[in-house]
Amino acid sequence: MNQNKTLAVYFTNGGVAYFENVRDFVVNDVAIGYKYSDIQSEVEREAYFFIANITGFTLEIDEESEEGKNAKTK
């Protein structure tokens, strides 16, 4: 699920962070979390951000998922 996607996280302080090769993305009432591969260092990492510190995020849609199919029809 959510294998090798791109992700942008928008912070309340106006900053934006971009991630590639995102997988295992989860969101709950407290935080978002995911695993990703750092492209420069080629190190596998796991990240978490508190919902209180972000204003939003964008995650690439999987074309094979139901969300991807629904996005095409709108």
Protein backbone atom coordinates (compact mmCIF):
# COMPACT_ATOMS: atom_id res chain seq x y z
CA MET A 1 0.00 0.00 0.00
CA ASN A 2 1.27 3.45 -0.92
CA GLN A 3 4.47 2.06 -2.42
CA ASN A 4 7.08 4.47 -3.78
CA LYS A 5 4.98 7.64 -3.85
CA THR A 6 5.91 11.29 -3.64
CA LEU A 7 4.79 13.29 -0.59
CA ALA A 8 4.75 16.99 0.28
CA VAL A 9 4.16 18.07 3.90
CA TYR A 10 3.06 21.68 4.54
CA PHE A 11 3.96 23.03 7.99
CA THR A 12 2.22 25.66 10.10
CA ASN A 13 5.38 27.82 9.99
CA GLY A 14 5.12 28.08 6.19
CA GLY A 15 7.77 25.47 5.39
CA VAL A 16 7.32 22.58 2.99
CA ALA A 17 9.17 19.25 2.98
CA TYR A 18 9.24 16.92 -0.03
CA PHE A 19 9.83 13.18 0.10
CA GLU A 20 10.19 10.52 -2.58
CA ASN A 21 9.91 6.74 -2.47
CA VAL A 22 7.30 7.03 0.31
CA ARG A 23 5.61 3.82 1.44
CA ASP A 24 3.55 2.52 4.36
CA PHE A 25 1.89 5.92 4.83
CA VAL A 26 -0.43 6.14 7.85
CA VAL A 27 -2.43 8.98 9.36
CA ASN A 28 -4.29 9.13 12.66
CA ASP A 29 -5.63 11.82 15.03
CA VAL A 30 -2.14 12.63 16.34
CA ALA A 31 0.39 12.20 13.53
CA ILE A 32 1.26 11.11 10.01
CA GLY A 33 3.96 8.50 9.55
CA TYR A 34 5.72 6.75 6.70
CA LYS A 35 8.89 5.10 5.51
CA TYR A 36 11.03 6.49 2.69
CA SER A 37 14.40 6.13 1.02
CA ASP A 38 16.72 9.11 1.32
CA ILE A 39 17.87 9.62 -2.26
CA GLN A 40 21.18 11.30 -1.43
CA SER A 41 22.38 8.92 1.29
CA GLU A 42 20.43 5.87 0.08
CA VAL A 43 19.43 5.23 3.71
CA GLU A 44 16.01 3.82 4.61
CA ARG A 45 14.22 6.16 7.03
CA GLU A 46 10.99 6.35 9.00
CA ALA A 47 9.35 9.73 9.67
CA TYR A 48 6.52 11.03 11.85
CA PHE A 49 5.01 14.52 12.02
CA PHE A 50 2.48 15.72 14.57
CA ILE A 51 -0.80 16.85 13.00
CA ALA A 52 -0.64 19.99 15.19
CA ASN A 53 2.50 21.09 13.30
CA ILE A 54 1.24 20.61 9.76
CA THR A 55 -1.43 22.40 7.74
CA GLY A 56 -1.73 19.65 5.16
CA PHE A 57 -0.03 17.15 2.90
CA THR A 58 -0.24 15.77 -0.61
CA LEU A 59 0.41 12.14 -1.46
CA GLU A 60 0.67 10.77 -4.99
CA ILE A 61 -2.39 8.77 -6.04
CA ASP A 62 -1.94 5.13 -6.95
CA GLU A 63 -3.47 4.76 -10.42
CA GLU A 64 -4.47 1.18 -9.61
CA SER A 65 -6.23 2.07 -6.35
CA GLU A 66 -9.88 2.92 -5.96
CA GLU A 67 -8.87 6.52 -5.18
CA GLY A 68 -6.98 6.70 -8.47
CA LYS A 69 -9.90 5.29 -10.40
CA ASN A 70 -12.31 7.73 -8.76
CA ALA A 71 -9.99 10.70 -9.44
CA LYS A 72 -10.01 9.90 -13.15
CA THR A 73 -13.80 10.01 -13.33
CA LYS A 74 -14.20 13.41 -11.66
